[in-house]
């Protein structure tokens, strides 16, 4: 599945897996298992325009850092992937600072 997070950035998240997402399963899973649920998560939820509180109800508190403390971010996928953020991919949700709503999602580094 190709998911567009911005018009110029398309991410092939199906390469991580296609396990079914539920908030309970996500909260009780390690980052590799969470990576396998990302495709299902985006099939079920459109997070653009949602509040960070709504996202935290689904995914729990952040497990990673991306640009600013207030941007929810989560390590996902295999720990064999390394970047400036640490081991694994980072799934982040930059917010509009005026409205506090999620603008988009990004995955770093890019999934090849």
PDB file of N, CA and C in Angstrom:
ATOM      1  N   UNK A   1       0.838  -1.183   0.000  1.00  0.00           N
ATOM      2  CA  UNK A   1       0.000   0.000   0.000  1.00  0.00           C
ATOM      3  C   UNK A   1       0.873   1.233   0.000  1.00  0.00           C
ATOM      4  N   UNK A   2       0.554   2.157  -0.869  1.00  0.00           N
ATOM      5  CA  UNK A   2       1.235   3.447  -0.880  1.00  0.00           C
ATOM      6  C   UNK A   2       0.376   4.430  -0.123  1.00  0.00           C
ATOM      7  N   UNK A   3       0.980   5.135   0.816  1.00  0.00           N
ATOM      8  CA  UNK A   3       0.268   6.129   1.591  1.00  0.00           C
ATOM      9  C   UNK A   3       0.961   7.454   1.389  1.00  0.00           C
ATOM     10  N   UNK A   4       0.196   8.456   1.033  1.00  0.00           N
ATOM     11  CA  UNK A   4       0.777   9.774   0.808  1.00  0.00           C
ATOM     12  C   UNK A   4       0.692  10.589   2.080  1.00  0.00           C
ATOM     13  N   UNK A   5       1.838  11.059   2.546  1.00  0.00           N
ATOM     14  CA  UNK A   5       1.810  11.906   3.722  1.00  0.00           C
ATOM     15  C   UNK A   5       1.875  13.370   3.327  1.00  0.00           C
ATOM     16  N   UNK A   6       2.423  13.670   2.189  1.00  0.00           N
ATOM     17  CA  UNK A   6       2.346  14.987   1.588  1.00  0.00           C
ATOM     18  C   UNK A   6       2.296  14.748   0.092  1.00  0.00           C
ATOM     19  N   UNK A   7       1.994  15.776  -0.671  1.00  0.00           N
ATOM     20  CA  UNK A   7       1.907  15.590  -2.113  1.00  0.00           C
ATOM     21  C   UNK A   7       3.246  15.208  -2.720  1.00  0.00           C
ATOM     22  N   UNK A   8       4.333  15.645  -2.120  1.00  0.00           N
ATOM     23  CA  UNK A   8       5.646  15.329  -2.681  1.00  0.00           C
ATOM     24  C   UNK A   8       6.336  14.155  -2.013  1.00  0.00           C
ATOM     25  N   UNK A   9       5.702  13.530  -1.053  1.00  0.00           N
ATOM     26  CA  UNK A   9       6.352  12.463  -0.308  1.00  0.00           C
ATOM     27  C   UNK A   9       5.412  11.269  -0.176  1.00  0.00           C
ATOM     28  N   UNK A  10       5.753  10.165  -0.814  1.00  0.00           N
ATOM     29  CA  UNK A  10       4.948   8.966  -0.738  1.00  0.00           C
ATOM     30  C   UNK A  10       5.765   7.860  -0.097  1.00  0.00           C
ATOM     31  N   UNK A  11       5.156   7.147   0.820  1.00  0.00           N
ATOM     32  CA  UNK A  11       5.862   6.131   1.591  1.00  0.00           C
ATOM     33  C   UNK A  11       5.250   4.766   1.309  1.00  0.00           C
ATOM     34  N   UNK A  12       6.082   3.787   1.033  1.00  0.00           N
ATOM     35  CA  UNK A  12       5.607   2.425   0.816  1.00  0.00           C
ATOM     36  C   UNK A  12       5.666   1.675   2.143  1.00  0.00           C
ATOM     37  N   UNK A  13       4.621   1.811   2.935  1.00  0.00           N
ATOM     38  CA  UNK A  13       4.622   1.223   4.274  1.00  0.00           C
ATOM     39  C   UNK A  13       4.307  -0.263   4.279  1.00  0.00           C
ATOM     40  N   UNK A  14       3.814  -0.791   3.177  1.00  0.00           N
ATOM     41  CA  UNK A  14       3.486  -2.219   3.156  1.00  0.00           C
ATOM     42  C   UNK A  14       4.739  -3.080   3.299  1.00  0.00           C
ATOM     43  N   UNK A  15       5.903  -2.529   3.023  1.00  0.00           N
ATOM     44  CA  UNK A  15       7.141  -3.287   3.179  1.00  0.00           C
ATOM     45  C   UNK A  15       7.415  -3.655   4.639  1.00  0.00           C
ATOM     46  N   UNK A  16       6.785  -2.956   5.565  1.00  0.00           N
ATOM     47  CA  UNK A  16       6.985  -3.248   6.987  1.00  0.00           C
ATOM     48  C   UNK A  16       6.134  -4.421   7.461  1.00  0.00           C
ATOM     49  N   UNK A  17       5.040  -4.692   6.747  1.00  0.00           N
ATOM     50  CA  UNK A  17       4.147  -5.781   7.134  1.00  0.00           C
ATOM     51  C   UNK A  17       2.702  -5.349   7.065  1.00  0.00           C
ATOM     52  N   UNK A  18       1.813  -6.280   7.372  1.00  0.00           N
ATOM     53  CA  UNK A  18       0.387  -5.976   7.258  1.00  0.00           C
ATOM     54  C   UNK A  18      -0.430  -6.600   8.388  1.00  0.00           C
ATOM     55  N   UNK A  19       0.129  -6.608   9.591  1.00  0.00           N
ATOM     56  CA  UNK A  19      -0.616  -7.117  10.742  1.00  0.00           C
ATOM     57  C   UNK A  19      -1.736  -6.145  11.114  1.00  0.00           C
ATOM     58  N   UNK A  20      -2.806  -6.678  11.671  1.00  0.00           N
ATOM     59  CA  UNK A  20      -3.951  -5.854  12.054  1.00  0.00           C
ATOM     60  C   UNK A  20      -3.601  -4.953  13.244  1.00  0.00           C
ATOM     61  N   UNK A  21      -3.953  -3.679  13.111  1.00  0.00           N
ATOM     62  CA  UNK A  21      -3.754  -2.713  14.193  1.00  0.00           C
ATOM     63  C   UNK A  21      -4.964  -2.686  15.110  1.00  0.00           C
ATOM     64  N   UNK A  22      -4.687  -2.736  16.394  1.00  0.00           N
ATOM     65  CA  UNK A  22      -5.652  -2.347  17.422  1.00  0.00           C
ATOM     66  C   UNK A  22      -4.847  -1.566  18.459  1.00  0.00           C
ATOM     67  N   UNK A  23      -5.454  -0.601  19.131  1.00  0.00           N
ATOM     68  CA  UNK A  23      -4.702   0.139  20.154  1.00  0.00           C
ATOM     69  C   UNK A  23      -4.115  -0.779  21.224  1.00  0.00           C
ATOM     70  N   UNK A  24      -4.850  -1.802  21.619  1.00  0.00           N
ATOM     71  CA  UNK A  24      -4.373  -2.715  22.662  1.00  0.00           C
ATOM     72  C   UNK A  24      -3.144  -3.493  22.192  1.00  0.00           C
ATOM     73  N   UNK A  25      -3.205  -4.009  20.961  1.00  0.00           N
ATOM     74  CA  UNK A  25      -2.073  -4.760  20.423  1.00  0.00           C
ATOM     75  C   UNK A  25      -0.846  -3.859  20.290  1.00  0.00           C
ATOM     76  N   UNK A  26      -1.054  -2.632  19.796  1.00  0.00           N
ATOM     77  CA  UNK A  26       0.046  -1.674  19.638  1.00  0.00           C
ATOM     78  C   UNK A  26       0.727  -1.434  20.986  1.00  0.00           C
ATOM     79  N   UNK A  27      -0.045  -1.155  22.008  1.00  0.00           N
ATOM     80  CA  UNK A  27       0.518  -0.828  23.319  1.00  0.00           C
ATOM     81  C   UNK A  27       1.304  -1.979  23.930  1.00  0.00           C
ATOM     82  N   UNK A  28       0.977  -3.214  23.543  1.00  0.00           N
ATOM     83  CA  UNK A  28       1.645  -4.389  24.107  1.00  0.00           C
ATOM     84  C   UNK A  28       2.676  -4.997  23.168  1.00  0.00           C
ATOM     85  N   UNK A  29       3.086  -4.261  22.142  1.00  0.00           N
ATOM     86  CA  UNK A  29       4.018  -4.791  21.136  1.00  0.00           C
ATOM     87  C   UNK A  29       5.352  -4.067  21.157  1.00  0.00           C
ATOM     88  N   UNK A  30       6.384  -4.764  20.677  1.00  0.00           N
ATOM     89  CA  UNK A  30       7.679  -4.119  20.507  1.00  0.00           C
ATOM     90  C   UNK A  30       7.668  -3.328  19.198  1.00  0.00           C
ATOM     91  N   UNK A  31       8.740  -2.606  18.945  1.00  0.00           N
ATOM     92  CA  UNK A  31       8.740  -1.714  17.789  1.00  0.00           C
ATOM     93  C   UNK A  31       8.676  -2.471  16.461  1.00  0.00           C
ATOM     94  N   UNK A  32       9.240  -3.657  16.378  1.00  0.00           N
ATOM     95  CA  UNK A  32       9.172  -4.411  15.125  1.00  0.00           C
ATOM     96  C   UNK A  32       7.728  -4.810  14.817  1.00  0.00           C
ATOM     97  N   UNK A  33       7.025  -5.301  15.807  1.00  0.00           N
ATOM     98  CA  UNK A  33       5.613  -5.669  15.637  1.00  0.00           C
ATOM     99  C   UNK A  33       4.779  -4.422  15.323  1.00  0.00           C
ATOM    100  N   UNK A  34       5.094  -3.310  15.950  1.00  0.00           N
ATOM    101  CA  UNK A  34       4.380  -2.060  15.659  1.00  0.00           C
ATOM    102  C   UNK A  34       4.561  -1.650  14.203  1.00  0.00           C
ATOM    103  N   UNK A  35       5.759  -1.831  13.685  1.00  0.00           N
ATOM    104  CA  UNK A  35       5.998  -1.515  12.280  1.00  0.00           C
ATOM    105  C   UNK A  35       5.086  -2.299  11.356  1.00  0.00           C
ATOM    106  N   UNK A  36       4.839  -3.542  11.717  1.00  0.00           N
ATOM    107  CA  UNK A  36       3.982  -4.403  10.899  1.00  0.00           C
ATOM    108  C   UNK A  36       2.515  -3.965  10.935  1.00  0.00           C
ATOM    109  N   UNK A  37       2.149  -3.137  11.919  1.00  0.00           N
ATOM    110  CA  UNK A  37       0.766  -2.671  12.049  1.00  0.00           C
ATOM    111  C   UNK A  37       0.511  -1.303  11.425  1.00  0.00           C
ATOM    112  N   UNK A  38       1.545  -0.628  10.961  1.00  0.00           N
ATOM    113  CA  UNK A  38       1.381   0.746  10.476  1.00  0.00           C
ATOM    114  C   UNK A  38       0.434   0.819   9.282  1.00  0.00           C
ATOM    115  N   UNK A  39       0.563  -0.096   8.340  1.00  0.00           N
ATOM    116  CA  UNK A  39      -0.330  -0.078   7.175  1.00  0.00           C
ATOM    117  C   UNK A  39      -1.789  -0.196   7.619  1.00  0.00           C
ATOM    118  N   UNK A  40      -2.080  -1.123   8.500  1.00  0.00           N
ATOM    119  CA  UNK A  40      -3.440  -1.310   9.004  1.00  0.00           C
ATOM    120  C   UNK A  40      -3.917  -0.065   9.759  1.00  0.00           C
ATOM    121  N   UNK A  41      -3.036   0.549  10.538  1.00  0.00           N
ATOM    122  CA  UNK A  41      -3.390   1.770  11.264  1.00  0.00           C
ATOM    123  C   UNK A  41      -3.883   2.850  10.306  1.00  0.00           C
ATOM    124  N   UNK A  42      -3.116   3.096   9.235  1.00  0.00           N
ATOM    125  CA  UNK A  42      -3.503   4.151   8.297  1.00  0.00           C
ATOM    126  C   UNK A  42      -4.711   3.776   7.439  1.00  0.00           C
ATOM    127  N   UNK A  43      -4.982   2.499   7.289  1.00  0.00           N
ATOM    128  CA  UNK A  43      -6.212   2.085   6.609  1.00  0.00           C
ATOM    129  C   UNK A  43      -7.430   2.393   7.475  1.00  0.00           C
ATOM    130  N   UNK A  44      -7.249   2.336   8.783  1.00  0.00           N
ATOM    131  CA  UNK A  44      -8.358   2.547   9.718  1.00  0.00           C
ATOM    132  C   UNK A  44      -8.543   3.997  10.153  1.00  0.00           C
ATOM    133  N   UNK A  45      -7.463   4.773  10.206  1.00  0.00           N
ATOM    134  CA  UNK A  45      -7.511   6.112  10.791  1.00  0.00           C
ATOM    135  C   UNK A  45      -6.868   7.152   9.885  1.00  0.00           C
ATOM    136  N   UNK A  46      -7.573   8.256   9.696  1.00  0.00           N
ATOM    137  CA  UNK A  46      -7.018   9.430   9.034  1.00  0.00           C
ATOM    138  C   UNK A  46      -6.657  10.407  10.141  1.00  0.00           C
ATOM    139  N   UNK A  47      -5.384  10.550  10.429  1.00  0.00           N
ATOM    140  CA  UNK A  47      -4.975  11.340  11.581  1.00  0.00           C
ATOM    141  C   UNK A  47      -4.752  12.815  11.250  1.00  0.00           C
ATOM    142  N   UNK A  48      -4.684  13.151   9.984  1.00  0.00           N
ATOM    143  CA  UNK A  48      -4.477  14.556   9.623  1.00  0.00           C
ATOM    144  C   UNK A  48      -5.645  15.387  10.160  1.00  0.00           C
ATOM    145  N   UNK A  49      -5.329  16.444  10.902  1.00  0.00           N
ATOM    146  CA  UNK A  49      -6.347  17.296  11.489  1.00  0.00           C
ATOM    147  C   UNK A  49      -6.813  16.857  12.866  1.00  0.00           C
ATOM    148  N   UNK A  50      -6.333  15.726  13.342  1.00  0.00           N
ATOM    149  CA  UNK A  50      -6.695  15.245  14.676  1.00  0.00           C
ATOM    150  C   UNK A  50      -5.797  15.905  15.728  1.00  0.00           C
ATOM    151  N   UNK A  51      -6.234  15.888  16.958  1.00  0.00           N
ATOM    152  CA  UNK A  51      -5.420  16.429  18.045  1.00  0.00           C
ATOM    153  C   UNK A  51      -4.397  15.382  18.490  1.00  0.00           C
ATOM    154  N   UNK A  52      -3.359  15.841  19.165  1.00  0.00           N
ATOM    155  CA  UNK A  52      -2.367  14.900  19.676  1.00  0.00           C
ATOM    156  C   UNK A  52      -2.999  14.005  20.741  1.00  0.00           C
ATOM    157  N   UNK A  53      -3.974  14.524  21.476  1.00  0.00           N
ATOM    158  CA  UNK A  53      -4.648  13.704  22.492  1.00  0.00           C
ATOM    159  C   UNK A  53      -5.371  12.528  21.830  1.00  0.00           C
ATOM    160  N   UNK A  54      -5.998  12.772  20.685  1.00  0.00           N
ATOM    161  CA  UNK A  54      -6.671  11.682  19.965  1.00  0.00           C
ATOM    162  C   UNK A  54      -5.659  10.627  19.527  1.00  0.00           C
ATOM    163  N   UNK A  55      -4.495  11.079  19.044  1.00  0.00           N
ATOM    164  CA  UNK A  55      -3.457  10.146  18.622  1.00  0.00           C
ATOM    165  C   UNK A  55      -2.915   9.364  19.812  1.00  0.00           C
ATOM    166  N   UNK A  56      -2.668  10.037  20.929  1.00  0.00           N
ATOM    167  CA  UNK A  56      -2.153   9.349  22.114  1.00  0.00           C
ATOM    168  C   UNK A  56      -3.133   8.298  22.615  1.00  0.00           C
ATOM    169  N   UNK A  57      -4.429   8.516  22.459  1.00  0.00           N
ATOM    170  CA  UNK A  57      -5.418   7.504  22.855  1.00  0.00           C
ATOM    171  C   UNK A  57      -5.270   6.233  22.019  1.00  0.00           C
ATOM    172  N   UNK A  58      -4.821   6.394  20.770  1.00  0.00           N
ATOM    173  CA  UNK A  58      -4.638   5.242  19.884  1.00  0.00           C
ATOM    174  C   UNK A  58      -3.270   4.589  20.044  1.00  0.00           C
ATOM    175  N   UNK A  59      -2.211   5.410  20.168  1.00  0.00           N
ATOM    176  CA  UNK A  59      -0.843   4.892  20.116  1.00  0.00           C
ATOM    177  C   UNK A  59      -0.074   5.002  21.430  1.00  0.00           C
ATOM    178  N   UNK A  60      -0.644   5.643  22.417  1.00  0.00           N
ATOM    179  CA  UNK A  60       0.083   5.816  23.665  1.00  0.00           C
ATOM    180  C   UNK A  60       1.096   6.948  23.551  1.00  0.00           C
ATOM    181  N   UNK A  61       1.872   7.124  24.597  1.00  0.00           N
ATOM    182  CA  UNK A  61       2.880   8.183  24.624  1.00  0.00           C
ATOM    183  C   UNK A  61       4.007   7.892  23.635  1.00  0.00           C
ATOM    184  N   UNK A  62       4.661   8.938  23.207  1.00  0.00           N
ATOM    185  CA  UNK A  62       5.768   8.817  22.250  1.00  0.00           C
ATOM    186  C   UNK A  62       6.872   7.911  22.781  1.00  0.00           C
ATOM    187  N   UNK A  63       7.514   7.204  21.851  1.00  0.00           N
ATOM    188  CA  UNK A  63       8.675   6.372  22.200  1.00  0.00           C
ATOM    189  C   UNK A  63       9.937   6.868  21.504  1.00  0.00           C
ATOM    190  N   UNK A  64       9.800   7.923  20.702  1.00  0.00           N
ATOM    191  CA  UNK A  64      10.932   8.470  19.954  1.00  0.00           C
ATOM    192  C   UNK A  64      10.840   9.994  19.961  1.00  0.00           C
ATOM    193  N   UNK A  65      11.860  10.625  19.409  1.00  0.00           N
ATOM    194  CA  UNK A  65      11.903  12.079  19.302  1.00  0.00           C
ATOM    195  C   UNK A  65      12.033  12.446  17.838  1.00  0.00           C
ATOM    196  N   UNK A  66      11.275  13.463  17.400  1.00  0.00           N
ATOM    197  CA  UNK A  66      11.381  13.959  16.031  1.00  0.00           C
ATOM    198  C   UNK A  66      11.217  15.475  16.038  1.00  0.00           C
ATOM    199  N   UNK A  67      12.283  16.191  15.837  1.00  0.00           N
ATOM    200  CA  UNK A  67      12.357  17.648  15.696  1.00  0.00           C
ATOM    201  C   UNK A  67      11.954  18.442  16.942  1.00  0.00           C
ATOM    202  N   UNK A  68      10.774  18.204  17.499  1.00  0.00           N
ATOM    203  CA  UNK A  68      10.303  18.945  18.671  1.00  0.00           C
ATOM    204  C   UNK A  68       9.614  17.993  19.635  1.00  0.00           C
ATOM    205  N   UNK A  69       9.692  18.312  20.918  1.00  0.00           N
ATOM    206  CA  UNK A  69       9.071  17.457  21.938  1.00  0.00           C
ATOM    207  C   UNK A  69       7.580  17.268  21.720  1.00  0.00           C
ATOM    208  N   UNK A  70       6.904  18.278  21.214  1.00  0.00           N
ATOM    209  CA  UNK A  70       5.452  18.184  21.074  1.00  0.00           C
ATOM    210  C   UNK A  70       4.996  17.389  19.855  1.00  0.00           C
ATOM    211  N   UNK A  71       5.917  16.948  19.005  1.00  0.00           N
ATOM    212  CA  UNK A  71       5.559  16.110  17.856  1.00  0.00           C
ATOM    213  C   UNK A  71       5.521  14.649  18.304  1.00  0.00           C
ATOM    214  N   UNK A  72       4.355  14.019  18.324  1.00  0.00           N
ATOM    215  CA  UNK A  72       4.322  12.592  18.673  1.00  0.00           C
ATOM    216  C   UNK A  72       5.212  11.793  17.716  1.00  0.00           C
ATOM    217  N   UNK A  73       5.985  10.868  18.261  1.00  0.00           N
ATOM    218  CA  UNK A  73       6.905  10.083  17.439  1.00  0.00           C
ATOM    219  C   UNK A  73       7.102   8.710  18.072  1.00  0.00           C
ATOM    220  N   UNK A  74       7.254   7.702  17.202  1.00  0.00           N
ATOM    221  CA  UNK A  74       7.317   6.314  17.661  1.00  0.00           C
ATOM    222  C   UNK A  74       8.372   5.553  16.867  1.00  0.00           C
ATOM    223  N   UNK A  75       9.185   4.761  17.559  1.00  0.00           N
ATOM    224  CA  UNK A  75      10.076   3.839  16.862  1.00  0.00           C
ATOM    225  C   UNK A  75       9.234   2.686  16.342  1.00  0.00           C
ATOM    226  N   UNK A  76       9.452   2.336  15.077  1.00  0.00           N
ATOM    227  CA  UNK A  76       8.752   1.207  14.461  1.00  0.00           C
ATOM    228  C   UNK A  76       9.736   0.411  13.621  1.00  0.00           C
ATOM    229  N   UNK A  77       9.387  -0.831  13.349  1.00  0.00           N
ATOM    230  CA  UNK A  77      10.169  -1.655  12.435  1.00  0.00           C
ATOM    231  C   UNK A  77      11.424  -2.226  13.055  1.00  0.00           C
ATOM    232  N   UNK A  78      12.233  -2.851  12.211  1.00  0.00           N
ATOM    233  CA  UNK A  78      13.420  -3.569  12.695  1.00  0.00           C
ATOM    234  C   UNK A  78      14.483  -2.630  13.265  1.00  0.00           C
ATOM    235  N   UNK A  79      15.149  -3.089  14.314  1.00  0.00           N
ATOM    236  CA  UNK A  79      16.219  -2.298  14.920  1.00  0.00           C
ATOM    237  C   UNK A  79      17.493  -2.318  14.083  1.00  0.00           C
ATOM    238  N   UNK A  80      17.516  -3.114  13.027  1.00  0.00           N
ATOM    239  CA  UNK A  80      18.682  -3.139  12.144  1.00  0.00           C
ATOM    240  C   UNK A  80      18.766  -1.875  11.282  1.00  0.00           C
ATOM    241  N   UNK A  81      17.681  -1.119  11.208  1.00  0.00           N
ATOM    242  CA  UNK A  81      17.665   0.157  10.489  1.00  0.00           C
ATOM    243  C   UNK A  81      18.216   1.220  11.439  1.00  0.00           C
ATOM    244  N   UNK A  82      19.225   1.957  10.982  1.00  0.00           N
ATOM    245  CA  UNK A  82      19.825   2.986  11.829  1.00  0.00           C
ATOM    246  C   UNK A  82      19.740   4.342  11.157  1.00  0.00           C
ATOM    247  N   UNK A  83      19.553   5.369  11.982  1.00  0.00           N
ATOM    248  CA  UNK A  83      19.509   6.744  11.486  1.00  0.00           C
ATOM    249  C   UNK A  83      19.966   7.667  12.608  1.00  0.00           C
ATOM    250  N   UNK A  84      19.902   8.945  12.362  1.00  0.00           N
ATOM    251  CA  UNK A  84      20.277   9.911  13.400  1.00  0.00           C
ATOM    252  C   UNK A  84      19.310   9.852  14.585  1.00  0.00           C
ATOM    253  N   UNK A  85      18.148   9.219  14.400  1.00  0.00           N
ATOM    254  CA  UNK A  85      17.137   9.137  15.450  1.00  0.00           C
ATOM    255  C   UNK A  85      17.344   7.932  16.367  1.00  0.00           C
ATOM    256  N   UNK A  86      18.093   6.949  15.903  1.00  0.00           N
ATOM    257  CA  UNK A  86      18.322   5.749  16.694  1.00  0.00           C
ATOM    258  C   UNK A  86      18.131   4.501  15.860  1.00  0.00           C
ATOM    259  N   UNK A  87      17.783   3.409  16.512  1.00  0.00           N
ATOM    260  CA  UNK A  87      17.605   2.124  15.837  1.00  0.00           C
ATOM    261  C   UNK A  87      16.137   1.914  15.495  1.00  0.00           C
ATOM    262  N   UNK A  88      15.860   1.735  14.221  1.00  0.00           N
ATOM    263  CA  UNK A  88      14.502   1.575  13.735  1.00  0.00           C
ATOM    264  C   UNK A  88      14.039   2.817  12.996  1.00  0.00           C
ATOM    265  N   UNK A  89      12.907   2.688  12.331  1.00  0.00           N
ATOM    266  CA  UNK A  89      12.291   3.846  11.680  1.00  0.00           C
ATOM    267  C   UNK A  89      11.598   4.685  12.739  1.00  0.00           C
ATOM    268  N   UNK A  90      11.453   5.968  12.467  1.00  0.00           N
ATOM    269  CA  UNK A  90      10.667   6.844  13.328  1.00  0.00           C
ATOM    270  C   UNK A  90       9.413   7.249  12.560  1.00  0.00           C
ATOM    271  N   UNK A  91       8.268   6.957  13.145  1.00  0.00           N
ATOM    272  CA  UNK A  91       6.980   7.405  12.629  1.00  0.00           C
ATOM    273  C   UNK A  91       6.614   8.633  13.443  1.00  0.00           C
ATOM    274  N   UNK A  92       6.563   9.790  12.787  1.00  0.00           N
ATOM    275  CA  UNK A  92       6.330  11.051  13.498  1.00  0.00           C
ATOM    276  C   UNK A  92       5.121  11.785  12.918  1.00  0.00           C
ATOM    277  N   UNK A  93       4.518  12.594  13.766  1.00  0.00           N
ATOM    278  CA  UNK A  93       3.317  13.336  13.407  1.00  0.00           C
ATOM    279  C   UNK A  93       3.515  14.818  13.713  1.00  0.00           C
ATOM    280  N   UNK A  94       4.161  15.561  12.790  1.00  0.00           N
ATOM    281  CA  UNK A  94       4.321  17.001  13.004  1.00  0.00           C
ATOM    282  C   UNK A  94       2.956  17.682  13.141  1.00  0.00           C
ATOM    283  N   UNK A  95       2.896  18.641  14.043  1.00  0.00           N
ATOM    284  CA  UNK A  95       1.643  19.341  14.293  1.00  0.00           C
ATOM    285  C   UNK A  95       1.741  20.800  13.858  1.00  0.00           C
ATOM    286  N   UNK A  96       0.597  21.381  13.626  1.00  0.00           N
ATOM    287  CA  UNK A  96       0.494  22.816  13.406  1.00  0.00           C
ATOM    288  C   UNK A  96       0.520  23.458  14.793  1.00  0.00           C
ATOM    289  N   UNK A  97       1.481  24.298  15.028  1.00  0.00           N
ATOM    290  CA  UNK A  97       1.652  24.846  16.379  1.00  0.00           C
ATOM    291  C   UNK A  97       0.533  25.801  16.786  1.00  0.00           C
ATOM    292  N   UNK A  98      -0.128  26.408  15.836  1.00  0.00           N
ATOM    293  CA  UNK A  98      -1.230  27.315  16.182  1.00  0.00           C
ATOM    294  C   UNK A  98      -2.477  26.544  16.586  1.00  0.00           C
ATOM    295  N   UNK A  99      -2.817  25.516  15.827  1.00  0.00           N
ATOM    296  CA  UNK A  99      -4.047  24.772  16.100  1.00  0.00           C
ATOM    297  C   UNK A  99      -3.822  23.564  17.003  1.00  0.00           C
ATOM    298  N   UNK A 100      -2.581  23.076  17.056  1.00  0.00           N
ATOM    299  CA  UNK A 100      -2.285  21.867  17.816  1.00  0.00           C
ATOM    300  C   UNK A 100      -2.725  20.589  17.121  1.00  0.00           C
ATOM    301  N   UNK A 101      -3.124  20.705  15.861  1.00  0.00           N
ATOM    302  CA  UNK A 101      -3.611  19.552  15.097  1.00  0.00           C
ATOM    303  C   UNK A 101      -2.485  18.939  14.263  1.00  0.00           C
ATOM    304  N   UNK A 102      -2.599  17.649  14.014  1.00  0.00           N
ATOM    305  CA  UNK A 102      -1.601  16.934  13.222  1.00  0.00           C
ATOM    306  C   UNK A 102      -1.689  17.384  11.770  1.00  0.00           C
ATOM    307  N   UNK A 103      -0.531  17.760  11.194  1.00  0.00           N
ATOM    308  CA  UNK A 103      -0.472  18.211   9.798  1.00  0.00           C
ATOM    309  C   UNK A 103      -0.289  17.056   8.829  1.00  0.00           C
ATOM    310  N   UNK A 104       0.532  16.068   9.219  1.00  0.00           N
ATOM    311  CA  UNK A 104       0.892  14.966   8.316  1.00  0.00           C
ATOM    312  C   UNK A 104       1.621  13.925   9.144  1.00  0.00           C
ATOM    313  N   UNK A 105       2.081  12.884   8.483  1.00  0.00           N
ATOM    314  CA  UNK A 105       2.990  11.956   9.142  1.00  0.00           C
ATOM    315  C   UNK A 105       4.241  11.831   8.294  1.00  0.00           C
ATOM    316  N   UNK A 106       5.327  11.467   8.933  1.00  0.00           N
ATOM    317  CA  UNK A 106       6.584  11.195   8.226  1.00  0.00           C
ATOM    318  C   UNK A 106       7.184   9.925   8.811  1.00  0.00           C
ATOM    319  N   UNK A 107       7.928   9.223   7.973  1.00  0.00           N
ATOM    320  CA  UNK A 107       8.700   8.072   8.420  1.00  0.00           C
ATOM    321  C   UNK A 107      10.144   8.328   8.009  1.00  0.00           C
ATOM    322  N   UNK A 108      11.032   8.281   8.995  1.00  0.00           N
ATOM    323  CA  UNK A 108      12.462   8.518   8.765  1.00  0.00           C
ATOM    324  C   UNK A 108      13.249   7.348   9.314  1.00  0.00           C
ATOM    325  N   UNK A 109      14.293   6.866   8.634  1.00  0.00           N
ATOM    326  CA  UNK A 109      14.626   7.222   7.258  1.00  0.00           C
ATOM    327  C   UNK A 109      13.572   6.675   6.298  1.00  0.00           C
ATOM    328  N   UNK A 110      13.657   7.092   5.075  1.00  0.00           N
ATOM    329  CA  UNK A 110      12.704   6.641   4.064  1.00  0.00           C
ATOM    330  C   UNK A 110      12.767   5.121   3.936  1.00  0.00           C
ATOM    331  N   UNK A 111      11.606   4.511   3.737  1.00  0.00           N
ATOM    332  CA  UNK A 111      11.541   3.055   3.527  1.00  0.00           C
ATOM    333  C   UNK A 111      11.900   2.804   2.081  1.00  0.00           C
ATOM    334  N   UNK A 112      12.935   2.031   1.880  1.00  0.00           N
ATOM    335  CA  UNK A 112      13.383   1.729   0.509  1.00  0.00           C
ATOM    336  C   UNK A 112      12.741   0.462  -0.001  1.00  0.00           C
TER     337      UNK A 112
END
